[in-house]
Amino acid sequence: MGGCLIERTTPIEELVALLPDAVGYMMRAGIKCIACGEPVWGTIESAAQEKGLPQERIDRIVADLNAMLPSGAPEGTGCR
């Protein structure tokens, strides 16, 4: 895949704009109730740490989100 990938430091707001399906995935992963209106600020990593997820789980979440990206994602998306 070309371009930048989703990273631990990708802001949640940017992630959801890029990949709307991330909302359901993040909820299943135990990260914030994005869909129920709770404001979400910060990064994927900070949201996962807030929920007490171990580093290995955060790495898996980031990898899974990257696997969900469409092959035609815009160049530079998710860069930090």
N, C-alpha and C. Protein backbone atom coordinates (compact mmCIF):
# COMPACT_ATOMS: atom_id res chain seq x y z
N MET A 1 0.85 -1.18 0.00
CA MET A 1 0.00 0.00 0.00
C MET A 1 0.88 1.23 0.00
N GLY A 2 0.58 2.21 -0.83
CA GLY A 2 1.35 3.43 -0.86
C GLY A 2 0.87 4.41 0.18
N GLY A 3 1.64 5.47 0.42
CA GLY A 3 1.24 6.50 1.36
C GLY A 3 1.51 6.11 2.78
N CYS A 4 1.12 6.99 3.68
CA CYS A 4 1.32 6.75 5.10
C CYS A 4 0.20 5.88 5.65
N LEU A 5 0.52 5.23 6.72
CA LEU A 5 -0.44 4.35 7.36
C LEU A 5 -0.96 4.98 8.64
N ILE A 6 -1.99 4.39 9.17
CA ILE A 6 -2.50 4.76 10.47
C ILE A 6 -1.44 4.40 11.49
N GLU A 7 -1.21 5.28 12.44
CA GLU A 7 -0.21 5.08 13.48
C GLU A 7 -0.85 5.23 14.84
N ARG A 8 -0.12 4.88 15.88
CA ARG A 8 -0.59 5.07 17.25
C ARG A 8 -0.93 6.54 17.49
N THR A 9 -0.20 7.44 16.84
CA THR A 9 -0.35 8.88 17.05
C THR A 9 -1.42 9.51 16.16
N THR A 10 -2.12 8.71 15.38
CA THR A 10 -3.19 9.25 14.53
C THR A 10 -4.33 9.71 15.44
N PRO A 11 -4.77 10.97 15.29
CA PRO A 11 -5.90 11.45 16.09
C PRO A 11 -7.17 10.66 15.76
N ILE A 12 -7.97 10.40 16.79
CA ILE A 12 -9.22 9.66 16.61
C ILE A 12 -10.10 10.35 15.58
N GLU A 13 -10.20 11.66 15.66
CA GLU A 13 -11.03 12.42 14.73
C GLU A 13 -10.60 12.17 13.28
N GLU A 14 -9.29 12.16 13.04
CA GLU A 14 -8.75 11.91 11.70
C GLU A 14 -9.02 10.47 11.27
N LEU A 15 -8.86 9.54 12.22
CA LEU A 15 -9.10 8.13 11.94
C LEU A 15 -10.54 7.91 11.47
N VAL A 16 -11.50 8.49 12.19
CA VAL A 16 -12.91 8.29 11.85
C VAL A 16 -13.26 8.95 10.52
N ALA A 17 -12.66 10.10 10.23
CA ALA A 17 -12.90 10.75 8.93
C ALA A 17 -12.35 9.90 7.79
N LEU A 18 -11.20 9.29 8.02
CA LEU A 18 -10.56 8.47 7.01
C LEU A 18 -11.24 7.12 6.85
N LEU A 19 -11.63 6.54 7.99
CA LEU A 19 -12.12 5.17 8.00
C LEU A 19 -13.34 5.07 8.92
N PRO A 20 -14.53 5.43 8.44
CA PRO A 20 -15.72 5.40 9.28
C PRO A 20 -15.98 4.05 9.95
N ASP A 21 -15.57 2.94 9.30
CA ASP A 21 -15.76 1.62 9.91
C ASP A 21 -14.92 1.44 11.17
N ALA A 22 -13.98 2.35 11.39
CA ALA A 22 -13.15 2.27 12.59
C ALA A 22 -13.97 2.43 13.85
N VAL A 23 -15.10 3.14 13.78
CA VAL A 23 -15.93 3.36 14.97
C VAL A 23 -16.36 2.02 15.56
N GLY A 24 -16.94 1.17 14.75
CA GLY A 24 -17.38 -0.13 15.23
C GLY A 24 -16.22 -0.98 15.72
N TYR A 25 -15.13 -0.96 14.98
CA TYR A 25 -13.96 -1.74 15.38
C TYR A 25 -13.43 -1.27 16.74
N MET A 26 -13.30 0.05 16.90
CA MET A 26 -12.78 0.60 18.15
C MET A 26 -13.69 0.26 19.33
N MET A 27 -14.98 0.30 19.10
CA MET A 27 -15.92 -0.06 20.18
C MET A 27 -15.76 -1.53 20.55
N ARG A 28 -15.63 -2.40 19.56
CA ARG A 28 -15.42 -3.83 19.84
C ARG A 28 -14.10 -4.07 20.55
N ALA A 29 -13.12 -3.20 20.28
CA ALA A 29 -11.81 -3.32 20.92
C ALA A 29 -11.81 -2.76 22.33
N GLY A 30 -12.93 -2.15 22.73
CA GLY A 30 -13.04 -1.61 24.09
C GLY A 30 -12.57 -0.18 24.24
N ILE A 31 -12.49 0.55 23.13
CA ILE A 31 -12.03 1.94 23.18
C ILE A 31 -13.19 2.89 22.97
N LYS A 32 -13.47 3.66 23.97
CA LYS A 32 -14.47 4.74 23.96
C LYS A 32 -15.73 4.45 23.17
N CYS A 33 -16.78 4.97 23.66
CA CYS A 33 -18.07 4.84 22.98
C CYS A 33 -18.21 5.97 21.98
N ILE A 34 -17.52 5.85 20.87
CA ILE A 34 -17.49 6.90 19.85
C ILE A 34 -18.89 7.16 19.30
N ALA A 35 -19.65 6.12 19.06
CA ALA A 35 -20.95 6.26 18.41
C ALA A 35 -22.02 6.83 19.34
N CYS A 36 -21.83 6.74 20.66
CA CYS A 36 -22.90 7.18 21.56
C CYS A 36 -22.79 8.65 21.92
N GLY A 37 -21.89 9.36 21.28
CA GLY A 37 -21.82 10.80 21.46
C GLY A 37 -20.76 11.27 22.44
N GLU A 38 -20.04 10.37 23.08
CA GLU A 38 -18.96 10.78 23.96
C GLU A 38 -17.89 11.46 23.12
N PRO A 39 -17.50 12.69 23.49
CA PRO A 39 -16.48 13.35 22.68
C PRO A 39 -15.16 12.59 22.76
N VAL A 40 -14.53 12.44 21.64
CA VAL A 40 -13.28 11.70 21.58
C VAL A 40 -12.17 12.64 21.14
N TRP A 41 -11.21 12.85 22.00
CA TRP A 41 -10.05 13.68 21.70
C TRP A 41 -8.82 12.82 21.92
N GLY A 42 -7.78 13.18 21.29
CA GLY A 42 -6.53 12.46 21.48
C GLY A 42 -6.27 11.48 20.36
N THR A 43 -5.33 10.61 20.61
CA THR A 43 -4.86 9.67 19.61
C THR A 43 -5.39 8.27 19.88
N ILE A 44 -5.16 7.39 18.93
CA ILE A 44 -5.51 5.99 19.13
C ILE A 44 -4.81 5.47 20.38
N GLU A 45 -3.53 5.78 20.49
CA GLU A 45 -2.74 5.30 21.63
C GLU A 45 -3.27 5.83 22.96
N SER A 46 -3.55 7.13 23.03
CA SER A 46 -4.01 7.70 24.30
C SER A 46 -5.38 7.14 24.70
N ALA A 47 -6.25 6.93 23.72
CA ALA A 47 -7.57 6.37 24.01
C ALA A 47 -7.44 4.93 24.51
N ALA A 48 -6.54 4.16 23.91
CA ALA A 48 -6.34 2.77 24.32
C ALA A 48 -5.70 2.70 25.70
N GLN A 49 -4.74 3.57 25.96
CA GLN A 49 -4.09 3.59 27.27
C GLN A 49 -5.07 3.99 28.36
N GLU A 50 -5.97 4.91 28.04
CA GLU A 50 -6.99 5.34 28.99
C GLU A 50 -7.86 4.16 29.42
N LYS A 51 -8.05 3.22 28.53
CA LYS A 51 -8.85 2.03 28.83
C LYS A 51 -8.00 0.90 29.41
N GLY A 52 -6.70 1.16 29.61
CA GLY A 52 -5.83 0.18 30.25
C GLY A 52 -5.37 -0.95 29.35
N LEU A 53 -5.44 -0.74 28.03
CA LEU A 53 -5.02 -1.80 27.12
C LEU A 53 -3.49 -1.91 27.09
N PRO A 54 -2.97 -3.13 27.05
CA PRO A 54 -1.51 -3.31 27.00
C PRO A 54 -0.94 -2.88 25.64
N GLN A 55 0.37 -2.61 25.64
CA GLN A 55 1.04 -2.15 24.42
C GLN A 55 0.86 -3.11 23.25
N GLU A 56 0.92 -4.40 23.53
CA GLU A 56 0.77 -5.39 22.46
C GLU A 56 -0.62 -5.30 21.82
N ARG A 57 -1.64 -5.03 22.63
CA ARG A 57 -3.01 -4.91 22.11
C ARG A 57 -3.13 -3.65 21.25
N ILE A 58 -2.48 -2.57 21.67
CA ILE A 58 -2.50 -1.33 20.88
C ILE A 58 -1.85 -1.57 19.52
N ASP A 59 -0.73 -2.28 19.52
CA ASP A 59 -0.07 -2.62 18.25
C ASP A 59 -1.01 -3.41 17.34
N ARG A 60 -1.76 -4.35 17.90
CA ARG A 60 -2.69 -5.17 17.13
C ARG A 60 -3.83 -4.32 16.58
N ILE A 61 -4.34 -3.40 17.37
CA ILE A 61 -5.41 -2.50 16.93
C ILE A 61 -4.94 -1.67 15.75
N VAL A 62 -3.74 -1.09 15.85
CA VAL A 62 -3.20 -0.27 14.76
C VAL A 62 -3.03 -1.12 13.50
N ALA A 63 -2.52 -2.33 13.66
CA ALA A 63 -2.35 -3.22 12.50
C ALA A 63 -3.69 -3.56 11.88
N ASP A 64 -4.68 -3.85 12.71
CA ASP A 64 -6.02 -4.17 12.19
C ASP A 64 -6.63 -2.99 11.45
N LEU A 65 -6.48 -1.79 12.00
CA LEU A 65 -7.01 -0.60 11.34
C LEU A 65 -6.34 -0.38 9.99
N ASN A 66 -5.04 -0.58 9.92
CA ASN A 66 -4.33 -0.46 8.65
C ASN A 66 -4.83 -1.47 7.65
N ALA A 67 -5.14 -2.67 8.11
CA ALA A 67 -5.66 -3.71 7.21
C ALA A 67 -7.04 -3.34 6.67
N MET A 68 -7.77 -2.49 7.38
CA MET A 68 -9.10 -2.08 6.97
C MET A 68 -9.07 -0.96 5.92
N LEU A 69 -7.92 -0.29 5.76
CA LEU A 69 -7.83 0.83 4.81
C LEU A 69 -8.09 0.35 3.39
N PRO A 70 -8.88 1.11 2.64
CA PRO A 70 -9.05 0.77 1.23
C PRO A 70 -7.73 1.00 0.49
N SER A 71 -7.51 0.24 -0.55
CA SER A 71 -6.26 0.37 -1.29
C SER A 71 -6.11 1.73 -1.95
N GLY A 72 -7.21 2.44 -2.14
CA GLY A 72 -7.17 3.76 -2.78
C GLY A 72 -7.11 4.91 -1.80
N ALA A 73 -6.68 4.66 -0.54
CA ALA A 73 -6.62 5.75 0.44
C ALA A 73 -5.68 6.83 -0.07
N PRO A 74 -6.04 8.10 0.18
CA PRO A 74 -5.23 9.21 -0.33
C PRO A 74 -3.80 9.16 0.21
N GLU A 75 -2.87 9.52 -0.64
CA GLU A 75 -1.46 9.60 -0.28
C GLU A 75 -1.31 10.60 0.86
N GLY A 76 -0.52 10.25 1.86
CA GLY A 76 -0.29 11.17 2.97
C GLY A 76 -1.30 11.03 4.09
N THR A 77 -2.30 10.21 3.93
CA THR A 77 -3.32 10.06 4.95
C THR A 77 -2.72 9.41 6.19
N GLY A 78 -3.03 9.96 7.34
CA GLY A 78 -2.59 9.38 8.59
C GLY A 78 -1.13 9.69 8.94
N CYS A 79 -0.47 10.51 8.17
CA CYS A 79 0.94 10.82 8.46
C CYS A 79 1.03 11.68 9.70
N ARG A 80 2.04 11.46 10.45
CA ARG A 80 2.33 12.28 11.63
C ARG A 80 3.79 12.56 11.62
